[in-house]
C-alpha atoms as a PDB file:
ATOM      1  CA  MET A   1     -25.238 -43.317  -3.369  1.00  0.00           C
ATOM      2  CA  LYS A   2     -25.824 -39.665  -3.649  1.00  0.00           C
ATOM      3  CA  LEU A   3     -22.780 -38.976  -1.813  1.00  0.00           C
ATOM      4  CA  THR A   4     -20.831 -41.537  -4.118  1.00  0.00           C
ATOM      5  CA  ALA A   5     -21.801 -39.838  -7.185  1.00  0.00           C
ATOM      6  CA  ILE A   6     -20.723 -36.215  -5.897  1.00  0.00           C
ATOM      7  CA  ALA A   7     -17.236 -37.946  -5.088  1.00  0.00           C
ATOM      8  CA  ALA A   8     -16.981 -39.209  -8.515  1.00  0.00           C
ATOM      9  CA  ALA A   9     -17.942 -36.174 -10.184  1.00  0.00           C
ATOM     10  CA  VAL A  10     -15.257 -34.216  -8.013  1.00  0.00           C
ATOM     11  CA  LEU A  11     -12.769 -36.743  -8.910  1.00  0.00           C
ATOM     12  CA  ALA A  12     -13.439 -36.359 -12.686  1.00  0.00           C
ATOM     13  CA  LEU A  13     -13.527 -32.679 -12.758  1.00  0.00           C
ATOM     14  CA  VAL A  14     -10.062 -32.629 -10.501  1.00  0.00           C
ATOM     15  CA  ALA A  15      -8.370 -35.147 -12.956  1.00  0.00           C
ATOM     16  CA  THR A  16      -9.755 -32.909 -15.954  1.00  0.00           C
ATOM     17  CA  GLU A  17      -6.674 -32.082 -18.214  1.00  0.00           C
ATOM     18  CA  ALA A  18      -6.706 -28.346 -19.325  1.00  0.00           C
ATOM     19  CA  ARG A  19      -4.588 -27.171 -22.401  1.00  0.00           C
ATOM     20  CA  ALA A  20      -1.382 -24.987 -22.354  1.00  0.00           C
ATOM     21  CA  ASP A  21       1.024 -22.892 -24.095  1.00  0.00           C
ATOM     22  CA  ILE A  22       4.521 -22.748 -24.459  1.00  0.00           C
ATOM     23  CA  VAL A  23       5.769 -19.237 -24.894  1.00  0.00           C
ATOM     24  CA  VAL A  24       9.101 -18.728 -26.803  1.00  0.00           C
ATOM     25  CA  PHE A  25      10.591 -15.510 -26.120  1.00  0.00           C
ATOM     26  CA  LYS A  26      13.084 -13.786 -28.431  1.00  0.00           C
ATOM     27  CA  ASN A  27      15.901 -14.269 -26.363  1.00  0.00           C
ATOM     28  CA  GLY A  28      15.495 -18.019 -26.331  1.00  0.00           C
ATOM     29  CA  ARG A  29      14.177 -18.404 -23.327  1.00  0.00           C
ATOM     30  CA  THR A  30      10.695 -20.504 -22.752  1.00  0.00           C
ATOM     31  CA  MET A  31       8.072 -20.704 -20.198  1.00  0.00           C
ATOM     32  CA  SER A  32       4.937 -22.657 -19.845  1.00  0.00           C
ATOM     33  CA  VAL A  33       1.560 -21.186 -18.963  1.00  0.00           C
ATOM     34  CA  LYS A  34      -2.160 -21.665 -19.056  1.00  0.00           C
ATOM     35  CA  SER A  35      -2.451 -19.530 -22.060  1.00  0.00           C
ATOM     36  CA  CYS A  36      -0.745 -16.585 -24.061  1.00  0.00           C
ATOM     37  CA  LEU A  37      -3.205 -13.975 -25.491  1.00  0.00           C
ATOM     38  CA  VAL A  38      -1.393 -11.443 -28.025  1.00  0.00           C
ATOM     39  CA  GLU A  39      -3.255  -8.536 -29.073  1.00  0.00           C
ATOM     40  CA  ALA A  40      -1.779  -5.666 -31.063  1.00  0.00           C
ATOM     41  CA  ASP A  41       1.409  -4.731 -29.211  1.00  0.00           C
ATOM     42  CA  THR A  42       0.597  -6.505 -25.910  1.00  0.00           C
ATOM     43  CA  ALA A  43       0.898  -9.996 -24.847  1.00  0.00           C
ATOM     44  CA  THR A  44      -1.109 -11.431 -21.497  1.00  0.00           C
ATOM     45  CA  LEU A  45       0.063 -14.959 -19.927  1.00  0.00           C
ATOM     46  CA  ARG A  46      -2.102 -16.197 -17.683  1.00  0.00           C
ATOM     47  CA  LEU A  47      -0.022 -18.095 -15.263  1.00  0.00           C
ATOM     48  CA  ARG A  48      -0.199 -21.727 -14.061  1.00  0.00           C
ATOM     49  CA  GLY A  49       0.057 -20.565 -10.312  1.00  0.00           C
ATOM     50  CA  GLY A  50      -2.742 -17.965 -11.097  1.00  0.00           C
ATOM     51  CA  GLY A  51      -2.823 -14.326 -12.085  1.00  0.00           C
ATOM     52  CA  GLU A  52      -1.697 -12.744 -15.126  1.00  0.00           C
ATOM     53  CA  VAL A  53       1.278 -10.868 -16.621  1.00  0.00           C
ATOM     54  CA  THR A  54       1.149  -8.303 -19.229  1.00  0.00           C
ATOM     55  CA  PHE A  55       3.983  -7.111 -21.329  1.00  0.00           C
ATOM     56  CA  PRO A  56       5.350  -5.919 -24.594  1.00  0.00           C
ATOM     57  CA  ALA A  57       4.229  -8.749 -27.631  1.00  0.00           C
ATOM     58  CA  SER A  58       7.637  -7.674 -29.303  1.00  0.00           C
ATOM     59  CA  LEU A  59       9.521  -9.970 -26.795  1.00  0.00           C
ATOM     60  CA  VAL A  60       7.410 -12.886 -28.158  1.00  0.00           C
ATOM     61  CA  ALA A  61       8.905 -14.840 -30.714  1.00  0.00           C
ATOM     62  CA  ARG A  62       6.167 -17.434 -30.911  1.00  0.00           C
ATOM     63  CA  VAL A  63       3.497 -19.358 -29.152  1.00  0.00           C
ATOM     64  CA  ASP A  64       3.215 -22.946 -29.297  1.00  0.00           C
ATOM     65  CA  PRO A  65       0.863 -25.487 -27.508  1.00  0.00           C
ATOM     66  CA  ASP A  66       2.235 -27.398 -24.810  1.00  0.00           C
ATOM     67  CA  GLU A  67       2.060 -31.025 -25.601  1.00  0.00           C
ATOM     68  CA  VAL A  68       2.010 -32.347 -21.777  1.00  0.00           C
ATOM     69  CA  PRO A  69      -1.173 -31.147 -20.265  1.00  0.00           C
ATOM     70  CA  TYR A  70      -1.454 -30.154 -16.683  1.00  0.00           C
ATOM     71  CA  PRO A  71      -4.348 -30.954 -14.393  1.00  0.00           C
ATOM     72  CA  GLU A  72      -6.820 -27.943 -13.967  1.00  0.00           C
ATOM     73  CA  ASP A  73      -7.929 -27.866 -10.131  1.00  0.00           C
ATOM     74  CA  VAL A  74     -11.326 -27.505  -9.168  1.00  0.00           C
ATOM     75  CA  PRO A  75     -12.455 -26.156  -5.900  1.00  0.00           C
ATOM     76  CA  VAL A  76     -14.281 -29.217  -4.161  1.00  0.00           C
ATOM     77  CA  ALA A  77     -16.610 -26.630  -2.353  1.00  0.00           C
ATOM     78  CA  ALA A  78     -17.571 -25.635  -5.712  1.00  0.00           C
ATOM     79  CA  VAL A  79     -19.378 -29.066  -6.461  1.00  0.00           C
ATOM     80  CA  ALA A  80     -22.554 -29.635  -5.209  1.00  0.00           C
ATOM     81  CA  PRO A  81     -22.883 -26.711  -2.829  1.00  0.00           C
ATOM     82  CA  ASP A  82     -26.047 -27.795  -1.210  1.00  0.00           C
ATOM     83  CA  ALA A  83     -25.016 -31.372  -0.374  1.00  0.00           C
ATOM     84  CA  PRO A  84     -25.436 -32.163   3.418  1.00  0.00           C
ATOM     85  CA  ASP A  85     -22.218 -33.318   3.779  1.00  0.00           C
ATOM     86  CA  ALA A  86     -20.448 -31.057   1.633  1.00  0.00           C
ATOM     87  CA  PRO A  87     -17.305 -29.224   3.202  1.00  0.00           C
ATOM     88  CA  VAL A  88     -17.295 -25.585   3.691  1.00  0.00           C
ATOM     89  CA  ALA A  89     -15.074 -23.524   1.561  1.00  0.00           C
ATOM     90  CA  SER A  90     -11.799 -22.039   3.321  1.00  0.00           C
ATOM     91  CA  PHE A  91     -10.061 -18.976   2.230  1.00  0.00           C
ATOM     92  CA  ALA A  92      -6.653 -18.865   2.644  1.00  0.00           C
ATOM     93  CA  PRO A  93      -4.485 -15.513   2.073  1.00  0.00           C
ATOM     94  CA  VAL A  94      -3.218 -15.406  -1.680  1.00  0.00           C
ATOM     95  CA  ALA A  95       0.439 -14.726  -2.231  1.00  0.00           C
ATOM     96  CA  LEU A  96       1.245 -11.782  -4.614  1.00  0.00           C
ATOM     97  CA  ALA A  97       1.956 -13.260  -8.013  1.00  0.00           C
ATOM     98  CA  LEU A  98       5.313 -11.847  -9.155  1.00  0.00           C
ATOM     99  CA  VAL A  99       6.423 -11.425 -12.806  1.00  0.00           C
ATOM    100  CA  PRO A 100       8.147 -14.885 -13.587  1.00  0.00           C
ATOM    101  CA  GLU A 101      12.108 -14.993 -13.768  1.00  0.00           C
ATOM    102  CA  ALA A 102      11.562 -15.869 -17.736  1.00  0.00           C
ATOM    103  CA  VAL A 103       9.753 -12.736 -18.365  1.00  0.00           C
ATOM    104  CA  LEU A 104      12.026 -10.370 -16.841  1.00  0.00           C
ATOM    105  CA  ALA A 105      14.918 -12.029 -18.545  1.00  0.00           C
ATOM    106  CA  ALA A 106      13.296 -11.444 -21.944  1.00  0.00           C
ATOM    107  CA  ARG A 107      12.638  -7.522 -20.828  1.00  0.00           C
ATOM    108  CA  PRO A 108      14.776  -4.935 -22.566  1.00  0.00           C
ATOM    109  CA  TYR A 109      18.156  -4.330 -20.864  1.00  0.00           C
ATOM    110  CA  ALA A 110      17.685  -7.454 -18.449  1.00  0.00           C
ATOM    111  CA  GLU A 111      21.252  -8.482 -18.904  1.00  0.00           C
ATOM    112  CA  LEU A 112      22.436  -4.741 -18.225  1.00  0.00           C
ATOM    113  CA  ILE A 113      20.151  -4.415 -15.338  1.00  0.00           C
ATOM    114  CA  SER A 114      21.199  -7.667 -13.983  1.00  0.00           C
ATOM    115  CA  THR A 115      25.098  -6.732 -14.255  1.00  0.00           C
ATOM    116  CA  ILE A 116      24.727  -3.698 -12.515  1.00  0.00           C
ATOM    117  CA  ALA A 117      21.925  -4.433 -10.061  1.00  0.00           C
ATOM    118  CA  ALA A 118      24.514  -7.200  -8.810  1.00  0.00           C
ATOM    119  CA  THR A 119      27.529  -4.761  -9.079  1.00  0.00           C
ATOM    120  CA  HIS A 120      25.928  -2.502  -6.431  1.00  0.00           C
ATOM    121  CA  LYS A 121      24.252  -5.418  -4.477  1.00  0.00           C
ATOM    122  CA  LEU A 122      20.560  -4.531  -5.209  1.00  0.00           C
ATOM    123  CA  ASP A 123      17.785  -6.899  -6.095  1.00  0.00           C
ATOM    124  CA  ALA A 124      17.020  -6.634  -9.837  1.00  0.00           C
ATOM    125  CA  ARG A 125      13.524  -7.517  -9.482  1.00  0.00           C
ATOM    126  CA  LEU A 126      13.237  -3.969  -7.562  1.00  0.00           C
ATOM    127  CA  VAL A 127      15.136  -2.435 -10.342  1.00  0.00           C
ATOM    128  CA  HIS A 128      12.913  -3.771 -12.886  1.00  0.00           C
ATOM    129  CA  ALA A 129      10.064  -2.428 -10.925  1.00  0.00           C
ATOM    130  CA  VAL A 130      11.292   1.044 -10.955  1.00  0.00           C
ATOM    131  CA  ILE A 131      12.077   1.091 -14.476  1.00  0.00           C
ATOM    132  CA  GLU A 132       8.752  -0.396 -15.339  1.00  0.00           C
ATOM    133  CA  GLN A 133       6.931   2.636 -13.277  1.00  0.00           C
ATOM    134  CA  GLU A 134       9.081   5.099 -14.253  1.00  0.00           C
ATOM    135  CA  SER A 135       9.358   4.654 -18.022  1.00  0.00           C
ATOM    136  CA  ASN A 136       8.217   1.274 -19.040  1.00  0.00           C
ATOM    137  CA  TYR A 137      11.874   0.527 -20.546  1.00  0.00           C
ATOM    138  CA  GLN A 138      11.723   3.689 -22.875  1.00  0.00           C
ATOM    139  CA  ALA A 139      15.315   4.750 -22.918  1.00  0.00           C
ATOM    140  CA  ARG A 140      14.172   8.245 -24.567  1.00  0.00           C
ATOM    141  CA  ALA A 141      11.637   8.823 -22.188  1.00  0.00           C
ATOM    142  CA  ARG A 142      11.108  12.442 -20.712  1.00  0.00           C
ATOM    143  CA  SER A 143       8.785  13.379 -18.376  1.00  0.00           C
ATOM    144  CA  ASN A 144       7.072  17.235 -18.363  1.00  0.00           C
ATOM    145  CA  LYS A 145       9.327  17.875 -15.016  1.00  0.00           C
ATOM    146  CA  GLY A 146      12.568  17.259 -16.966  1.00  0.00           C
ATOM    147  CA  ALA A 147      13.302  13.607 -15.776  1.00  0.00           C
ATOM    148  CA  LYS A 148      14.960  11.612 -18.578  1.00  0.00           C
ATOM    149  CA  GLY A 149      15.645   8.035 -19.505  1.00  0.00           C
ATOM    150  CA  LEU A 150      15.022   4.433 -18.201  1.00  0.00           C
ATOM    151  CA  MET A 151      15.147   5.329 -14.655  1.00  0.00           C
ATOM    152  CA  GLN A 152      14.090   9.172 -15.286  1.00  0.00           C
ATOM    153  CA  LEU A 153      17.067  10.832 -13.779  1.00  0.00           C
ATOM    154  CA  MET A 154      16.437  14.478 -12.714  1.00  0.00           C
ATOM    155  CA  PRO A 155      19.037  16.867 -14.126  1.00  0.00           C
ATOM    156  CA  ASP A 156      20.405  17.217 -10.480  1.00  0.00           C
ATOM    157  CA  THR A 157      20.728  13.504  -9.629  1.00  0.00           C
ATOM    158  CA  ALA A 158      22.437  13.197 -13.304  1.00  0.00           C
ATOM    159  CA  ARG A 159      24.861  15.596 -12.353  1.00  0.00           C
ATOM    160  CA  GLN A 160      25.438  14.017  -8.948  1.00  0.00           C
ATOM    161  CA  TYR A 161      26.442  10.954 -10.384  1.00  0.00           C
ATOM    162  CA  GLY A 162      28.409  12.380 -13.054  1.00  0.00           C
ATOM    163  CA  VAL A 163      25.791  11.317 -15.929  1.00  0.00           C
ATOM    164  CA  ARG A 164      26.435  13.534 -19.308  1.00  0.00           C
ATOM    165  CA  ASN A 165      23.887  11.754 -21.476  1.00  0.00           C
ATOM    166  CA  SER A 166      20.896  10.643 -19.434  1.00  0.00           C
ATOM    167  CA  TYR A 167      19.512   8.784 -22.622  1.00  0.00           C
ATOM    168  CA  ASP A 168      22.366   6.366 -22.492  1.00  0.00           C
ATOM    169  CA  PRO A 169      20.865   3.350 -21.177  1.00  0.00           C
ATOM    170  CA  ARG A 170      24.054   1.900 -19.244  1.00  0.00           C
ATOM    171  CA  ALA A 171      24.764   5.578 -17.794  1.00  0.00           C
ATOM    172  CA  ASN A 172      21.378   5.871 -16.957  1.00  0.00           C
ATOM    173  CA  LEU A 173      20.899   2.637 -15.021  1.00  0.00           C
ATOM    174  CA  GLU A 174      24.102   3.105 -13.201  1.00  0.00           C
ATOM    175  CA  ALA A 175      23.138   6.506 -11.786  1.00  0.00           C
ATOM    176  CA  GLY A 176      19.672   5.337 -11.117  1.00  0.00           C
ATOM    177  CA  VAL A 177      20.703   2.186  -9.398  1.00  0.00           C
ATOM    178  CA  ARG A 178      23.439   3.923  -7.509  1.00  0.00           C
ATOM    179  CA  HIS A 179      20.722   6.649  -6.296  1.00  0.00           C
ATOM    180  CA  LEU A 180      18.430   4.350  -5.423  1.00  0.00           C
ATOM    181  CA  LYS A 181      20.938   2.153  -3.492  1.00  0.00           C
ATOM    182  CA  ASP A 182      22.304   5.346  -1.667  1.00  0.00           C
ATOM    183  CA  LEU A 183      18.314   6.277  -0.552  1.00  0.00           C
ATOM    184  CA  LEU A 184      18.250   2.450   0.681  1.00  0.00           C
ATOM    185  CA  SER A 185      21.263   3.118   2.943  1.00  0.00           C
ATOM    186  CA  ARG A 186      19.417   5.899   4.983  1.00  0.00           C
ATOM    187  CA  LEU A 187      15.697   4.941   4.487  1.00  0.00           C
ATOM    188  CA  GLU A 188      13.224   1.827   4.754  1.00  0.00           C
ATOM    189  CA  LEU A 189      12.222   0.601   1.379  1.00  0.00           C
ATOM    190  CA  PRO A 190       8.781   2.423   1.266  1.00  0.00           C
ATOM    191  CA  LEU A 191      10.481   5.785   2.031  1.00  0.00           C
ATOM    192  CA  ALA A 192      13.496   5.127  -0.442  1.00  0.00           C
ATOM    193  CA  LEU A 193      10.904   4.650  -3.134  1.00  0.00           C
ATOM    194  CA  ALA A 194       9.010   7.664  -2.120  1.00  0.00           C
ATOM    195  CA  ALA A 195      12.418   9.785  -2.112  1.00  0.00           C
ATOM    196  CA  TYR A 196      13.199   8.549  -5.536  1.00  0.00           C
ATOM    197  CA  ASN A 197       9.775   9.860  -6.700  1.00  0.00           C
ATOM    198  CA  ALA A 198       9.209  12.954  -4.465  1.00  0.00           C
ATOM    199  CA  GLY A 199      12.820  14.016  -3.338  1.00  0.00           C
ATOM    200  CA  GLU A 200      14.453  12.924   0.030  1.00  0.00           C
ATOM    201  CA  ALA A 201      13.917  16.592   1.425  1.00  0.00           C
ATOM    202  CA  THR A 202      10.151  16.154   0.899  1.00  0.00           C
ATOM    203  CA  ILE A 203      10.284  12.802   2.918  1.00  0.00           C
ATOM    204  CA  ARG A 204      12.062  14.517   5.675  1.00  0.00           C
ATOM    205  CA  ARG A 205       9.527  17.231   5.475  1.00  0.00           C
ATOM    206  CA  TYR A 206       6.480  15.145   5.880  1.00  0.00           C
ATOM    207  CA  GLY A 207       8.308  12.806   8.208  1.00  0.00           C
ATOM    208  CA  GLY A 208       7.305   9.882   5.860  1.00  0.00           C
ATOM    209  CA  VAL A 209       5.749   8.965   2.802  1.00  0.00           C
ATOM    210  CA  PRO A 210       4.133  12.387   1.722  1.00  0.00           C
ATOM    211  CA  PRO A 211       0.096  13.140   1.230  1.00  0.00           C
ATOM    212  CA  TYR A 212       0.492  13.066  -2.511  1.00  0.00           C
ATOM    213  CA  ALA A 213      -1.723  10.300  -4.602  1.00  0.00           C
ATOM    214  CA  GLU A 214       1.123  10.050  -7.214  1.00  0.00           C
ATOM    215  CA  THR A 215       3.720   9.135  -4.696  1.00  0.00           C
ATOM    216  CA  GLN A 216       1.558   6.950  -2.601  1.00  0.00           C
ATOM    217  CA  ASN A 217       0.357   5.233  -5.881  1.00  0.00           C
ATOM    218  CA  TYR A 218       4.057   5.064  -7.007  1.00  0.00           C
ATOM    219  CA  VAL A 219       5.180   3.192  -3.709  1.00  0.00           C
ATOM    220  CA  ARG A 220       2.150   0.671  -3.670  1.00  0.00           C
ATOM    221  CA  SER A 221       2.716  -0.058  -7.430  1.00  0.00           C
ATOM    222  CA  ILE A 222       6.404  -0.902  -7.087  1.00  0.00           C
ATOM    223  CA  LEU A 223       5.904  -3.011  -3.774  1.00  0.00           C
ATOM    224  CA  ARG A 224       3.411  -5.073  -5.363  1.00  0.00           C
ATOM    225  CA  ARG A 225       5.677  -5.759  -8.461  1.00  0.00           C
ATOM    226  CA  VAL A 226       8.513  -7.040  -6.029  1.00  0.00           C
ATOM    227  CA  GLY A 227       6.040  -9.080  -4.046  1.00  0.00           C
ATOM    228  CA  VAL A 228       5.673  -6.811  -0.826  1.00  0.00           C
ATOM    229  CA  THR A 229       2.328  -5.685   0.504  1.00  0.00           C
ATOM    230  CA  PRO A 230       1.895  -2.265   1.947  1.00  0.00           C
ATOM    231  CA  GLY A 231       1.164  -3.332   5.309  1.00  0.00           C
ATOM    232  CA  GLN A 232       4.304  -5.648   5.113  1.00  0.00           C
ATOM    233  CA  ALA A 233       6.290  -2.507   4.287  1.00  0.00           C
ATOM    234  CA  GLY A 234       4.848  -0.122   6.644  1.00  0.00           C
ATOM    235  CA  THR A 235       2.772   2.054   4.591  1.00  0.00           C
ATOM    236  CA  ASN A 236      -0.619   3.203   5.009  1.00  0.00           C
END
């Protein structure tokens, strides 16, 4: 009787339906999520597959309740943990939560990024990750070292690719994507990212990712955004 009651409780919990939200982006795309919280200038999505995504609230047109509920999974081992026949909890590796395509498509310059990335046969998700890390999509961004624009072109890099105005989004993206593609033609992904941040000469001098906290965090952050763990990419 005790096990039967436990089983019934588990089934009731597993079948519990949870509320959801429909996020309507300003570009017309929609996305169903567990919830969407908008605070000040930031929107945070709790994804159905787990994890959260944060981005500028200005991308959201409105949030509507999802009229189609979905089941909220409950781990069986969490119910009656001291029951004699309770299953032993198992812990499987969790995949990295990628930013959904609908969110990427709603970001600034998304169409331009997709077009230029496709022209140079580079993954648009990687370009988005670099831009988010470099400037957070601010076309007028300028670093204290003189890097400018969306992909933070250094003056020498801008001259190398014939860019006259690094604050022009199209010119900046074109040069940044070409530069990243050129680095990838000579280096593995982690080293190419490190070279984008610290310069290829620095990578050659150290024979790998340099021991700079800024560069190491830069590489790890971008790898996470594209769904690659540092171990998979061969970084320490």
